Amino acid sequence: MTEADIHSRFVRYYETVAELHRMGYELFRVCPYISPNGMCYRCWLTIKKILINK
């Protein structure tokens, strides 16, 4: 897999979340981070309720 393929996957991921927001699912959140060894870029999808401090 080339670097361009990896980049296009992340772009598609963010575009999908943007489309969900346009459809009314504004509570979804993308949480990007770098792996502990610093070699990989990762992200996961969660909901706003989980991210709010109580």
C-alpha atoms as a PDB file:
ATOM      1  CA  MET A   1       0.000   0.000   0.000  1.00  0.00           C
ATOM      2  CA  THR A   2       1.430   3.347  -1.024  1.00  0.00           C
ATOM      3  CA  GLU A   3       1.446   6.531   1.000  1.00  0.00           C
ATOM      4  CA  ALA A   4      -1.145   7.993  -1.383  1.00  0.00           C
ATOM      5  CA  ASP A   5      -3.466   5.033  -0.693  1.00  0.00           C
ATOM      6  CA  ILE A   6      -3.163   5.553   3.040  1.00  0.00           C
ATOM      7  CA  HIS A   7      -3.810   9.274   2.668  1.00  0.00           C
ATOM      8  CA  SER A   8      -6.912   8.677   0.549  1.00  0.00           C
ATOM      9  CA  ARG A   9      -8.295   6.260   3.168  1.00  0.00           C
ATOM     10  CA  PHE A  10      -8.021   8.891   5.889  1.00  0.00           C
ATOM     11  CA  VAL A  11      -9.577  11.517   3.640  1.00  0.00           C
ATOM     12  CA  ARG A  12     -12.491   9.174   2.917  1.00  0.00           C
ATOM     13  CA  TYR A  13     -12.873   8.492   6.644  1.00  0.00           C
ATOM     14  CA  TYR A  14     -13.128  12.202   7.463  1.00  0.00           C
ATOM     15  CA  GLU A  15     -15.447  12.825   4.504  1.00  0.00           C
ATOM     16  CA  THR A  16     -17.727  10.046   5.766  1.00  0.00           C
ATOM     17  CA  VAL A  17     -17.911  11.637   9.205  1.00  0.00           C
ATOM     18  CA  ALA A  18     -18.591  15.030   7.603  1.00  0.00           C
ATOM     19  CA  GLU A  19     -21.456  13.469   5.645  1.00  0.00           C
ATOM     20  CA  LEU A  20     -22.859  11.951   8.848  1.00  0.00           C
ATOM     21  CA  HIS A  21     -22.794  15.438  10.408  1.00  0.00           C
ATOM     22  CA  ARG A  22     -24.690  16.854   7.422  1.00  0.00           C
ATOM     23  CA  MET A  23     -27.273  14.065   7.815  1.00  0.00           C
ATOM     24  CA  GLY A  24     -27.931  15.069  11.425  1.00  0.00           C
ATOM     25  CA  TYR A  25     -25.550  12.820  13.346  1.00  0.00           C
ATOM     26  CA  GLU A  26     -23.621  15.700  14.930  1.00  0.00           C
ATOM     27  CA  LEU A  27     -22.719  13.735  18.060  1.00  0.00           C
ATOM     28  CA  PHE A  28     -20.090  11.634  16.278  1.00  0.00           C
ATOM     29  CA  ARG A  29     -16.509  12.694  16.939  1.00  0.00           C
ATOM     30  CA  VAL A  30     -13.218  11.673  15.308  1.00  0.00           C
ATOM     31  CA  CYS A  31     -10.383  11.250  17.793  1.00  0.00           C
ATOM     32  CA  PRO A  32      -7.023  11.168  15.964  1.00  0.00           C
ATOM     33  CA  TYR A  33      -3.811  10.191  17.720  1.00  0.00           C
ATOM     34  CA  ILE A  34      -0.336   8.820  17.062  1.00  0.00           C
ATOM     35  CA  SER A  35       0.539   5.293  18.141  1.00  0.00           C
ATOM     36  CA  PRO A  36       2.715   4.907  21.252  1.00  0.00           C
ATOM     37  CA  ASN A  37       5.813   4.134  19.188  1.00  0.00           C
ATOM     38  CA  GLY A  38       5.187   7.175  16.947  1.00  0.00           C
ATOM     39  CA  MET A  39       5.148   5.162  13.733  1.00  0.00           C
ATOM     40  CA  CYS A  40       1.413   5.127  12.951  1.00  0.00           C
ATOM     41  CA  TYR A  41      -1.367   7.650  12.740  1.00  0.00           C
ATOM     42  CA  ARG A  42      -4.616   6.306  14.158  1.00  0.00           C
ATOM     43  CA  CYS A  43      -8.104   7.573  14.754  1.00  0.00           C
ATOM     44  CA  TRP A  44     -11.317   6.240  16.168  1.00  0.00           C
ATOM     45  CA  LEU A  45     -14.910   7.293  16.011  1.00  0.00           C
ATOM     46  CA  THR A  46     -16.832   7.947  19.208  1.00  0.00           C
ATOM     47  CA  ILE A  47     -19.805   9.941  20.386  1.00  0.00           C
ATOM     48  CA  LYS A  48     -19.758  13.309  22.138  1.00  0.00           C
ATOM     49  CA  LYS A  49     -21.352  11.895  25.290  1.00  0.00           C
ATOM     50  CA  ILE A  50     -18.264   9.785  26.034  1.00  0.00           C
ATOM     51  CA  LEU A  51     -15.896  12.758  25.674  1.00  0.00           C
ATOM     52  CA  ILE A  52     -17.706  15.082  28.080  1.00  0.00           C
ATOM     53  CA  ASN A  53     -16.076  15.377  31.514  1.00  0.00           C
ATOM     54  CA  LYS A  54     -18.497  14.853  34.361  1.00  0.00           C
END
